[in-house]
Amino acid sequence: MCGIVGLHLREPALYPRLGALLTGMLAEMCDRGPDSAGIAIYGDPTWSPPNTSTVSVLDARPGLAEALTTRLGVAVHAIHLAPMTLVHSAIDCGSLADAVAAVDPDAIVVGFGDDVTVLKGMGNPIVLVDGFGLSKATGWQAVAHTRMATESAVTPAGSHPFAVGPDQCLVHNGSFSNHATIRRELQRSGVRFDSENDSEVGARFVAQQLANGADLEKALRLLCDTFDGFYTLLVTTKDSFAVVRDPIACKPAIVAETAAWVAMASEYRALAGLPGIDSAHIFEPEPEEVYVWHR
């Protein structure tokens, strides 16, 4: 049992409240996942400065920014939010992520892109995100996850979100029963993994489909065709927010939509504090139906 929340803002007047709104949503999901937690924020100008790429790094070595500046020949800046380090530079996000892997091979890149910042770790979710300063974050889209581990060890690397493609993010409640077979197939095609988590297999699969030219809806339909098990997934990109459930909708999910925002959560109580919830269109996603909203 894990907890998922996500918020896609349509109304720019709400952008300054993104972090505060997500904090309130996440607080309602702590009992669903006390082991660890993580967040992804799109568009925060401090964590993802304009006109730069951002790489979110777990367990980075001291002096990482300086080492990257020397290697790349361009200025690289860092923000430290233990156990995370965010590095920024005015170069392509893929090149910056590759440089992090080369300079600090023991660190783990847990997110990269032009808009997204990923922060995660172990412990009480609210204590964790308070340490990150989530309530002050701004932006236009965010997801969060509280984890109760079932398929792999409780580690920061095994925490959600899994953000393995540029500006992509996946959070998952449930378990994939055939993930080991799909992991081996992906590994044979050259895909590398950072954890033993079954959810990372789903994220790597989606990232591969997107890299091969599929749009997000098609990538998630292919996931439904390929993966067995129970799942509710929330998947985001820099311009999309998508939800899908398994064929029998085993894991809970509820969506609320207004002219100002779209929100998803594992339970309604996480949505109850959102502005305008009383007039929102509220529904449970149908089994194996892919729902996608675009910016």
C-alpha atoms as a PDB file:
ATOM      1  CA  MET A   1       0.000   0.000   0.000  1.00  0.00           C
ATOM      2  CA  CYS A   2       1.447   3.334  -1.117  1.00  0.00           C
ATOM      3  CA  GLY A   3       0.057   6.824  -1.494  1.00  0.00           C
ATOM      4  CA  ILE A   4       0.052   8.903  -4.682  1.00  0.00           C
ATOM      5  CA  VAL A   5      -0.855  12.549  -5.161  1.00  0.00           C
ATOM      6  CA  GLY A   6      -0.463  14.791  -8.181  1.00  0.00           C
ATOM      7  CA  LEU A   7      -1.474  18.291  -9.203  1.00  0.00           C
ATOM      8  CA  HIS A   8      -1.503  19.871 -12.673  1.00  0.00           C
ATOM      9  CA  LEU A   9      -2.247  23.599 -12.530  1.00  0.00           C
ATOM     10  CA  ARG A  10      -4.037  25.327 -15.386  1.00  0.00           C
ATOM     11  CA  GLU A  11      -4.418  28.702 -13.655  1.00  0.00           C
ATOM     12  CA  PRO A  12      -1.132  30.664 -13.434  1.00  0.00           C
ATOM     13  CA  ALA A  13      -2.411  32.539 -10.367  1.00  0.00           C
ATOM     14  CA  LEU A  14      -2.061  29.246  -8.468  1.00  0.00           C
ATOM     15  CA  TYR A  15       1.579  28.624  -9.459  1.00  0.00           C
ATOM     16  CA  PRO A  16       2.958  30.312  -6.297  1.00  0.00           C
ATOM     17  CA  ARG A  17       0.858  27.900  -4.188  1.00  0.00           C
ATOM     18  CA  LEU A  18       1.951  24.654  -5.848  1.00  0.00           C
ATOM     19  CA  GLY A  19       4.263  23.515  -3.055  1.00  0.00           C
ATOM     20  CA  ALA A  20       1.854  24.431  -0.274  1.00  0.00           C
ATOM     21  CA  LEU A  21      -1.021  22.643  -1.990  1.00  0.00           C
ATOM     22  CA  LEU A  22       1.063  19.529  -2.617  1.00  0.00           C
ATOM     23  CA  THR A  23       2.261  19.510   1.006  1.00  0.00           C
ATOM     24  CA  GLY A  24      -1.339  19.418   2.194  1.00  0.00           C
ATOM     25  CA  MET A  25      -2.154  16.588  -0.196  1.00  0.00           C
ATOM     26  CA  LEU A  26       0.925  14.582   0.793  1.00  0.00           C
ATOM     27  CA  ALA A  27       0.156  14.945   4.511  1.00  0.00           C
ATOM     28  CA  GLU A  28      -3.034  12.939   4.006  1.00  0.00           C
ATOM     29  CA  MET A  29      -1.124  10.017   2.487  1.00  0.00           C
ATOM     30  CA  CYS A  30       1.519   9.486   5.190  1.00  0.00           C
ATOM     31  CA  ASP A  31      -0.280   6.505   6.709  1.00  0.00           C
ATOM     32  CA  ARG A  32      -0.276   4.780   3.307  1.00  0.00           C
ATOM     33  CA  GLY A  33       3.520   4.919   3.033  1.00  0.00           C
ATOM     34  CA  PRO A  34       5.624   5.619   6.131  1.00  0.00           C
ATOM     35  CA  ASP A  35       8.891   4.123   4.819  1.00  0.00           C
ATOM     36  CA  SER A  36      10.045   6.801   2.393  1.00  0.00           C
ATOM     37  CA  ALA A  37       8.768   9.517   0.113  1.00  0.00           C
ATOM     38  CA  GLY A  38       9.605  11.625  -2.889  1.00  0.00           C
ATOM     39  CA  ILE A  39       8.380  14.548  -4.936  1.00  0.00           C
ATOM     40  CA  ALA A  40       8.793  15.962  -8.418  1.00  0.00           C
ATOM     41  CA  ILE A  41       8.184  19.646  -9.067  1.00  0.00           C
ATOM     42  CA  TYR A  42       7.919  21.214 -12.520  1.00  0.00           C
ATOM     43  CA  GLY A  43       8.806  24.860 -12.976  1.00  0.00           C
ATOM     44  CA  ASP A  44      10.250  26.019  -9.664  1.00  0.00           C
ATOM     45  CA  PRO A  45      12.673  28.845 -10.606  1.00  0.00           C
ATOM     46  CA  THR A  46      15.013  28.144  -7.673  1.00  0.00           C
ATOM     47  CA  TRP A  47      15.261  24.384  -8.048  1.00  0.00           C
ATOM     48  CA  SER A  48      15.058  24.453 -11.881  1.00  0.00           C
ATOM     49  CA  PRO A  49      16.351  27.893 -12.921  1.00  0.00           C
ATOM     50  CA  PRO A  50      15.164  29.244 -16.284  1.00  0.00           C
ATOM     51  CA  ASN A  51      17.450  28.689 -19.288  1.00  0.00           C
ATOM     52  CA  THR A  52      19.376  25.914 -17.530  1.00  0.00           C
ATOM     53  CA  SER A  53      19.093  22.175 -17.199  1.00  0.00           C
ATOM     54  CA  THR A  54      18.770  20.524 -13.804  1.00  0.00           C
ATOM     55  CA  VAL A  55      20.024  17.138 -12.659  1.00  0.00           C
ATOM     56  CA  SER A  56      18.793  15.738  -9.345  1.00  0.00           C
ATOM     57  CA  VAL A  57      21.522  13.637  -7.732  1.00  0.00           C
ATOM     58  CA  LEU A  58      21.257  11.251  -4.781  1.00  0.00           C
ATOM     59  CA  ASP A  59      24.295  10.849  -2.494  1.00  0.00           C
ATOM     60  CA  ALA A  60      26.558  13.157  -4.488  1.00  0.00           C
ATOM     61  CA  ARG A  61      30.224  13.539  -3.582  1.00  0.00           C
ATOM     62  CA  PRO A  62      31.426  16.805  -2.015  1.00  0.00           C
ATOM     63  CA  GLY A  63      32.573  19.328  -4.599  1.00  0.00           C
ATOM     64  CA  LEU A  64      30.483  17.844  -7.401  1.00  0.00           C
ATOM     65  CA  ALA A  65      29.668  21.226  -8.976  1.00  0.00           C
ATOM     66  CA  GLU A  66      33.306  22.246  -9.051  1.00  0.00           C
ATOM     67  CA  ALA A  67      34.338  18.929 -10.614  1.00  0.00           C
ATOM     68  CA  LEU A  68      31.629  19.275 -13.262  1.00  0.00           C
ATOM     69  CA  THR A  69      32.693  22.851 -14.037  1.00  0.00           C
ATOM     70  CA  THR A  70      36.238  21.641 -14.616  1.00  0.00           C
ATOM     71  CA  ARG A  71      35.130  18.738 -16.800  1.00  0.00           C
ATOM     72  CA  LEU A  72      32.606  20.626 -18.914  1.00  0.00           C
ATOM     73  CA  GLY A  73      34.274  24.019 -19.145  1.00  0.00           C
ATOM     74  CA  VAL A  74      31.028  25.798 -18.257  1.00  0.00           C
ATOM     75  CA  ALA A  75      29.708  27.026 -14.935  1.00  0.00           C
ATOM     76  CA  VAL A  76      27.820  24.431 -12.892  1.00  0.00           C
ATOM     77  CA  HIS A  77      26.013  25.431  -9.702  1.00  0.00           C
ATOM     78  CA  ALA A  78      24.619  23.247  -6.926  1.00  0.00           C
ATOM     79  CA  ILE A  79      21.914  23.317  -4.264  1.00  0.00           C
ATOM     80  CA  HIS A  80      22.259  20.838  -1.386  1.00  0.00           C
ATOM     81  CA  LEU A  81      19.087  19.396   0.153  1.00  0.00           C
ATOM     82  CA  ALA A  82      20.297  16.256   1.958  1.00  0.00           C
ATOM     83  CA  PRO A  83      20.405  13.531   0.778  1.00  0.00           C
ATOM     84  CA  MET A  84      19.897  15.280  -2.573  1.00  0.00           C
ATOM     85  CA  THR A  85      22.050  17.639  -4.609  1.00  0.00           C
ATOM     86  CA  LEU A  86      20.637  19.657  -7.508  1.00  0.00           C
ATOM     87  CA  VAL A  87      23.113  20.723 -10.165  1.00  0.00           C
ATOM     88  CA  HIS A  88      22.335  23.328 -12.836  1.00  0.00           C
ATOM     89  CA  SER A  89      24.075  24.463 -15.978  1.00  0.00           C
ATOM     90  CA  ALA A  90      23.275  26.121 -19.293  1.00  0.00           C
ATOM     91  CA  ILE A  91      23.894  22.951 -21.301  1.00  0.00           C
ATOM     92  CA  ASP A  92      21.769  20.061 -22.525  1.00  0.00           C
ATOM     93  CA  CYS A  93      20.274  18.069 -19.640  1.00  0.00           C
ATOM     94  CA  GLY A  94      21.440  14.752 -21.073  1.00  0.00           C
ATOM     95  CA  SER A  95      25.021  15.984 -21.328  1.00  0.00           C
ATOM     96  CA  LEU A  96      24.897  17.239 -17.747  1.00  0.00           C
ATOM     97  CA  ALA A  97      23.489  13.927 -16.497  1.00  0.00           C
ATOM     98  CA  ASP A  98      26.181  11.984 -18.374  1.00  0.00           C
ATOM     99  CA  ALA A  99      28.872  14.218 -16.854  1.00  0.00           C
ATOM    100  CA  VAL A 100      27.504  13.568 -13.345  1.00  0.00           C
ATOM    101  CA  ALA A 101      27.721   9.825 -13.952  1.00  0.00           C
ATOM    102  CA  ALA A 102      31.296  10.157 -15.205  1.00  0.00           C
ATOM    103  CA  VAL A 103      32.525  12.432 -12.411  1.00  0.00           C
ATOM    104  CA  ASP A 104      30.662  10.708  -9.556  1.00  0.00           C
ATOM    105  CA  PRO A 105      29.950   7.081 -10.512  1.00  0.00           C
ATOM    106  CA  ASP A 106      28.742   6.174  -7.013  1.00  0.00           C
ATOM    107  CA  ALA A 107      25.994   8.804  -7.070  1.00  0.00           C
ATOM    108  CA  ILE A 108      22.576   8.155  -8.604  1.00  0.00           C
ATOM    109  CA  VAL A 109      20.885  10.501 -11.053  1.00  0.00           C
ATOM    110  CA  VAL A 110      17.226  10.408  -9.983  1.00  0.00           C
ATOM    111  CA  GLY A 111      15.906  13.071 -12.346  1.00  0.00           C
ATOM    112  CA  PHE A 112      16.979  15.398 -15.136  1.00  0.00           C
ATOM    113  CA  GLY A 113      15.443  17.909 -17.488  1.00  0.00           C
ATOM    114  CA  ASP A 114      14.745  21.552 -18.175  1.00  0.00           C
ATOM    115  CA  ASP A 115      11.710  21.838 -15.871  1.00  0.00           C
ATOM    116  CA  VAL A 116      11.684  19.000 -13.328  1.00  0.00           C
ATOM    117  CA  THR A 117      13.309  18.654  -9.926  1.00  0.00           C
ATOM    118  CA  VAL A 118      13.166  15.318  -8.078  1.00  0.00           C
ATOM    119  CA  LEU A 119      13.723  15.060  -4.328  1.00  0.00           C
ATOM    120  CA  LYS A 120      13.405  11.847  -2.320  1.00  0.00           C
ATOM    121  CA  GLY A 121      14.643   9.992   0.720  1.00  0.00           C
ATOM    122  CA  MET A 122      13.742   7.752   3.644  1.00  0.00           C
ATOM    123  CA  GLY A 123      11.712   8.498   6.745  1.00  0.00           C
ATOM    124  CA  ASN A 124       8.488  10.237   7.683  1.00  0.00           C
ATOM    125  CA  PRO A 125       7.188  11.926   4.518  1.00  0.00           C
ATOM    126  CA  ILE A 126       6.227  15.236   6.118  1.00  0.00           C
ATOM    127  CA  VAL A 127       9.499  15.550   8.021  1.00  0.00           C
ATOM    128  CA  LEU A 128      11.316  14.793   4.776  1.00  0.00           C
ATOM    129  CA  VAL A 129       9.513  17.348   2.602  1.00  0.00           C
ATOM    130  CA  ASP A 130       9.659  19.977   5.342  1.00  0.00           C
ATOM    131  CA  GLY A 131      13.434  19.574   5.189  1.00  0.00           C
ATOM    132  CA  PHE A 132      13.314  20.127   1.453  1.00  0.00           C
ATOM    133  CA  GLY A 133      11.198  23.263   1.881  1.00  0.00           C
ATOM    134  CA  LEU A 134       8.391  21.932  -0.296  1.00  0.00           C
ATOM    135  CA  SER A 135       5.749  24.317   1.015  1.00  0.00           C
ATOM    136  CA  LYS A 136       7.618  27.265  -0.550  1.00  0.00           C
ATOM    137  CA  ALA A 137       7.996  25.666  -3.988  1.00  0.00           C
ATOM    138  CA  THR A 138       6.299  27.206  -6.990  1.00  0.00           C
ATOM    139  CA  GLY A 139       5.529  25.857 -10.437  1.00  0.00           C
ATOM    140  CA  TRP A 140       2.803  24.361 -12.585  1.00  0.00           C
ATOM    141  CA  GLN A 141       2.866  20.613 -11.943  1.00  0.00           C
ATOM    142  CA  ALA A 142       3.890  18.255  -9.145  1.00  0.00           C
ATOM    143  CA  VAL A 143       3.645  14.659  -8.023  1.00  0.00           C
ATOM    144  CA  ALA A 144       4.426  12.982  -4.719  1.00  0.00           C
ATOM    145  CA  HIS A 145       4.549   9.441  -3.393  1.00  0.00           C
ATOM    146  CA  THR A 146       4.631   7.813   0.034  1.00  0.00           C
ATOM    147  CA  ARG A 147       5.985   4.286   0.017  1.00  0.00           C
ATOM    148  CA  MET A 148       5.236   1.109   1.916  1.00  0.00           C
ATOM    149  CA  ALA A 149       7.844  -1.256   0.498  1.00  0.00           C
ATOM    150  CA  THR A 150       6.715  -4.693  -0.735  1.00  0.00           C
ATOM    151  CA  GLU A 151       8.925  -5.674  -3.683  1.00  0.00           C
ATOM    152  CA  SER A 152      12.351  -4.307  -2.693  1.00  0.00           C
ATOM    153  CA  ALA A 153      14.374  -2.843   0.159  1.00  0.00           C
ATOM    154  CA  VAL A 154      13.663   0.515   1.759  1.00  0.00           C
ATOM    155  CA  THR A 155      16.380   2.734   0.294  1.00  0.00           C
ATOM    156  CA  PRO A 156      16.451   6.258  -1.116  1.00  0.00           C
ATOM    157  CA  ALA A 157      17.177   4.793  -4.559  1.00  0.00           C
ATOM    158  CA  GLY A 158      14.074   2.611  -4.282  1.00  0.00           C
ATOM    159  CA  SER A 159      11.855   5.544  -3.376  1.00  0.00           C
ATOM    160  CA  HIS A 160       9.513   7.096  -5.903  1.00  0.00           C
ATOM    161  CA  PRO A 161       9.298   9.053  -8.179  1.00  0.00           C
ATOM    162  CA  PHE A 162      11.287   7.274 -10.864  1.00  0.00           C
ATOM    163  CA  ALA A 163      12.411   9.916 -13.336  1.00  0.00           C
ATOM    164  CA  VAL A 164      14.563   8.089 -15.879  1.00  0.00           C
ATOM    165  CA  GLY A 165      13.919  10.133 -19.032  1.00  0.00           C
ATOM    166  CA  PRO A 166      14.168  13.885 -19.645  1.00  0.00           C
ATOM    167  CA  ASP A 167      11.444  15.720 -17.695  1.00  0.00           C
ATOM    168  CA  GLN A 168       9.667  12.402 -17.137  1.00  0.00           C
ATOM    169  CA  CYS A 169       8.323  11.047 -13.862  1.00  0.00           C
ATOM    170  CA  LEU A 170       6.439   7.910 -12.755  1.00  0.00           C
ATOM    171  CA  VAL A 171       4.875   6.993  -9.408  1.00  0.00           C
ATOM    172  CA  HIS A 172       3.210   3.659  -8.761  1.00  0.00           C
ATOM    173  CA  ASN A 173       0.918   2.027  -6.219  1.00  0.00           C
ATOM    174  CA  GLY A 174       0.834  -1.745  -6.600  1.00  0.00           C
ATOM    175  CA  SER A 175       3.201  -4.390  -7.888  1.00  0.00           C
ATOM    176  CA  PHE A 176       4.168  -5.777 -11.291  1.00  0.00           C
ATOM    177  CA  SER A 177       4.252  -9.569 -11.238  1.00  0.00           C
ATOM    178  CA  ASN A 178       6.364 -10.009 -14.401  1.00  0.00           C
ATOM    179  CA  HIS A 179       8.841  -7.201 -13.795  1.00  0.00           C
ATOM    180  CA  ALA A 180      11.864  -9.531 -13.612  1.00  0.00           C
ATOM    181  CA  THR A 181      11.260 -10.819 -17.155  1.00  0.00           C
ATOM    182  CA  ILE A 182      10.774  -7.316 -18.542  1.00  0.00           C
ATOM    183  CA  ARG A 183      13.860  -6.087 -16.660  1.00  0.00           C
ATOM    184  CA  ARG A 184      15.980  -8.736 -18.392  1.00  0.00           C
ATOM    185  CA  GLU A 185      14.530  -7.805 -21.782  1.00  0.00           C
ATOM    186  CA  LEU A 186      15.312  -4.135 -21.207  1.00  0.00           C
ATOM    187  CA  GLN A 187      18.814  -4.951 -19.988  1.00  0.00           C
ATOM    188  CA  ARG A 188      19.474  -6.928 -23.164  1.00  0.00           C
ATOM    189  CA  SER A 189      18.604  -3.784 -25.131  1.00  0.00           C
ATOM    190  CA  GLY A 190      21.153  -1.768 -23.131  1.00  0.00           C
ATOM    191  CA  VAL A 191      18.961  -0.264 -20.396  1.00  0.00           C
ATOM    192  CA  ARG A 192      20.659   0.135 -17.008  1.00  0.00           C
ATOM    193  CA  PHE A 193      18.890   0.131 -13.633  1.00  0.00           C
ATOM    194  CA  ASP A 194      19.584   1.940 -10.360  1.00  0.00           C
ATOM    195  CA  SER A 195      17.452  -0.189  -8.019  1.00  0.00           C
ATOM    196  CA  GLU A 196      15.674  -3.522  -7.623  1.00  0.00           C
ATOM    197  CA  ASN A 197      12.300  -1.772  -7.506  1.00  0.00           C
ATOM    198  CA  ASP A 198       9.648  -3.166  -9.842  1.00  0.00           C
ATOM    199  CA  SER A 199       8.349   0.361 -10.423  1.00  0.00           C
ATOM    200  CA  GLU A 200      11.664   1.373 -11.984  1.00  0.00           C
ATOM    201  CA  VAL A 201      11.055  -1.318 -14.609  1.00  0.00           C
ATOM    202  CA  GLY A 202       7.789   0.394 -15.508  1.00  0.00           C
ATOM    203  CA  ALA A 203       9.485   3.781 -15.689  1.00  0.00           C
ATOM    204  CA  ARG A 204      12.301   2.458 -17.876  1.00  0.00           C
ATOM    205  CA  PHE A 205       9.787   0.789 -20.186  1.00  0.00           C
ATOM    206  CA  VAL A 206       7.793   4.020 -20.602  1.00  0.00           C
ATOM    207  CA  ALA A 207      10.972   6.042 -21.165  1.00  0.00           C
ATOM    208  CA  GLN A 208      12.074   3.617 -23.876  1.00  0.00           C
ATOM    209  CA  GLN A 209       8.715   3.899 -25.658  1.00  0.00           C
ATOM    210  CA  LEU A 210       8.848   7.708 -25.536  1.00  0.00           C
ATOM    211  CA  ALA A 211      12.427   7.685 -26.829  1.00  0.00           C
ATOM    212  CA  ASN A 212      11.275   5.473 -29.710  1.00  0.00           C
ATOM    213  CA  GLY A 213       8.664   8.033 -30.755  1.00  0.00           C
ATOM    214  CA  ALA A 214       5.493   6.999 -28.938  1.00  0.00           C
ATOM    215  CA  ASP A 215       3.388   9.665 -27.284  1.00  0.00           C
ATOM    216  CA  LEU A 216       2.537   9.240 -23.593  1.00  0.00           C
ATOM    217  CA  GLU A 217      -0.892   7.717 -24.218  1.00  0.00           C
ATOM    218  CA  LYS A 218       0.540   5.069 -26.550  1.00  0.00           C
ATOM    219  CA  ALA A 219       3.423   4.342 -24.165  1.00  0.00           C
ATOM    220  CA  LEU A 220       0.977   3.655 -21.340  1.00  0.00           C
ATOM    221  CA  ARG A 221      -1.225   1.503 -23.554  1.00  0.00           C
ATOM    222  CA  LEU A 222       1.834  -0.559 -24.411  1.00  0.00           C
ATOM    223  CA  LEU A 223       2.627  -0.843 -20.700  1.00  0.00           C
ATOM    224  CA  CYS A 224      -0.875  -2.198 -20.072  1.00  0.00           C
ATOM    225  CA  ASP A 225      -0.340  -4.755 -22.832  1.00  0.00           C
ATOM    226  CA  THR A 226       3.069  -5.817 -21.483  1.00  0.00           C
ATOM    227  CA  PHE A 227       2.912  -5.729 -17.683  1.00  0.00           C
ATOM    228  CA  ASP A 228       0.957  -8.048 -15.397  1.00  0.00           C
ATOM    229  CA  GLY A 229      -0.055  -7.234 -11.841  1.00  0.00           C
ATOM    230  CA  PHE A 230      -1.896  -4.576  -9.894  1.00  0.00           C
ATOM    231  CA  TYR A 231      -1.151  -0.923 -10.456  1.00  0.00           C
ATOM    232  CA  THR A 232      -2.247   2.645 -10.411  1.00  0.00           C
ATOM    233  CA  LEU A 233       0.253   4.873 -12.204  1.00  0.00           C
ATOM    234  CA  LEU A 234       0.630   8.633 -12.401  1.00  0.00           C
ATOM    235  CA  VAL A 235       3.064   9.590 -15.162  1.00  0.00           C
ATOM    236  CA  THR A 236       4.143  13.109 -16.068  1.00  0.00           C
ATOM    237  CA  THR A 237       6.245  14.836 -18.702  1.00  0.00           C
ATOM    238  CA  LYS A 238       7.021  18.508 -19.261  1.00  0.00           C
ATOM    239  CA  ASP A 239       3.676  18.943 -21.030  1.00  0.00           C
ATOM    240  CA  SER A 240       1.490  16.022 -19.879  1.00  0.00           C
ATOM    241  CA  PHE A 241      -0.165  14.517 -16.789  1.00  0.00           C
ATOM    242  CA  ALA A 242      -1.501  10.951 -17.157  1.00  0.00           C
ATOM    243  CA  VAL A 243      -3.230   8.288 -15.066  1.00  0.00           C
ATOM    244  CA  VAL A 244      -3.815   4.600 -15.777  1.00  0.00           C
ATOM    245  CA  ARG A 245      -4.997   1.605 -13.717  1.00  0.00           C
ATOM    246  CA  ASP A 246      -4.720  -2.160 -14.142  1.00  0.00           C
ATOM    247  CA  PRO A 247      -7.431  -4.265 -15.853  1.00  0.00           C
ATOM    248  CA  ILE A 248      -9.463  -4.775 -12.657  1.00  0.00           C
ATOM    249  CA  ALA A 249      -8.660  -1.379 -11.066  1.00  0.00           C
ATOM    250  CA  CYS A 250      -7.356  -3.111  -7.967  1.00  0.00           C
ATOM    251  CA  LYS A 251      -5.509  -0.109  -6.543  1.00  0.00           C
ATOM    252  CA  PRO A 252      -7.464   3.015  -5.576  1.00  0.00           C
ATOM    253  CA  ALA A 253      -7.431   6.267  -7.517  1.00  0.00           C
ATOM    254  CA  ILE A 254      -9.601   9.335  -7.710  1.00  0.00           C
ATOM    255  CA  VAL A 255      -9.376  12.307 -10.048  1.00  0.00           C
ATOM    256  CA  ALA A 256     -10.802  15.801  -9.592  1.00  0.00           C
ATOM    257  CA  GLU A 257     -10.888  18.411 -12.351  1.00  0.00           C
ATOM    258  CA  THR A 258     -11.773  22.102 -12.489  1.00  0.00           C
ATOM    259  CA  ALA A 259     -11.020  24.912 -14.914  1.00  0.00           C
ATOM    260  CA  ALA A 260      -8.059  25.833 -12.685  1.00  0.00           C
ATOM    261  CA  TRP A 261      -6.447  22.425 -12.085  1.00  0.00           C
ATOM    262  CA  VAL A 262      -6.465  18.646 -12.445  1.00  0.00           C
ATOM    263  CA  ALA A 263      -5.583  16.554  -9.397  1.00  0.00           C
ATOM    264  CA  MET A 264      -5.200  12.848  -8.693  1.00  0.00           C
ATOM    265  CA  ALA A 265      -4.810  10.966  -5.417  1.00  0.00           C
ATOM    266  CA  SER A 266      -5.093   7.521  -3.925  1.00  0.00           C
ATOM    267  CA  GLU A 267      -7.921   8.746  -1.675  1.00  0.00           C
ATOM    268  CA  TYR A 268     -10.350  11.669  -1.732  1.00  0.00           C
ATOM    269  CA  ARG A 269      -9.113  13.052   1.597  1.00  0.00           C
ATOM    270  CA  ALA A 270      -5.928  14.189  -0.175  1.00  0.00           C
ATOM    271  CA  LEU A 271      -8.049  16.334  -2.526  1.00  0.00           C
ATOM    272  CA  ALA A 272     -10.456  17.758   0.029  1.00  0.00           C
ATOM    273  CA  GLY A 273      -8.369  20.866   0.780  1.00  0.00           C
ATOM    274  CA  LEU A 274      -7.900  22.017  -2.809  1.00  0.00           C
ATOM    275  CA  PRO A 275      -9.460  25.358  -3.799  1.00  0.00           C
ATOM    276  CA  GLY A 276     -12.724  24.843  -5.637  1.00  0.00           C
ATOM    277  CA  ILE A 277     -13.041  21.148  -4.772  1.00  0.00           C
ATOM    278  CA  ASP A 278     -16.771  21.564  -4.029  1.00  0.00           C
ATOM    279  CA  SER A 279     -17.467  22.343  -7.684  1.00  0.00           C
ATOM    280  CA  ALA A 280     -14.936  19.917  -9.203  1.00  0.00           C
ATOM    281  CA  HIS A 281     -15.773  17.058 -11.538  1.00  0.00           C
ATOM    282  CA  ILE A 282     -14.745  14.017  -9.483  1.00  0.00           C
ATOM    283  CA  PHE A 283     -14.465  10.467 -10.792  1.00  0.00           C
ATOM    284  CA  GLU A 284     -12.668   7.152 -10.423  1.00  0.00           C
ATOM    285  CA  PRO A 285     -10.550   6.255 -13.477  1.00  0.00           C
ATOM    286  CA  GLU A 286     -11.832   3.219 -15.374  1.00  0.00           C
ATOM    287  CA  PRO A 287      -9.711   0.044 -15.658  1.00  0.00           C
ATOM    288  CA  GLU A 288      -7.037   0.182 -18.383  1.00  0.00           C
ATOM    289  CA  GLU A 289      -8.300   3.561 -19.601  1.00  0.00           C
ATOM    290  CA  VAL A 290      -5.452   6.029 -20.182  1.00  0.00           C
ATOM    291  CA  TYR A 291      -6.329   9.566 -19.108  1.00  0.00           C
ATOM    292  CA  VAL A 292      -4.000  12.328 -20.332  1.00  0.00           C
ATOM    293  CA  TRP A 293      -4.155  16.058 -19.751  1.00  0.00           C
ATOM    294  CA  HIS A 294      -1.849  18.450 -21.632  1.00  0.00           C
ATOM    295  CA  ARG A 295      -0.417  21.805 -20.720  1.00  0.00           C
END
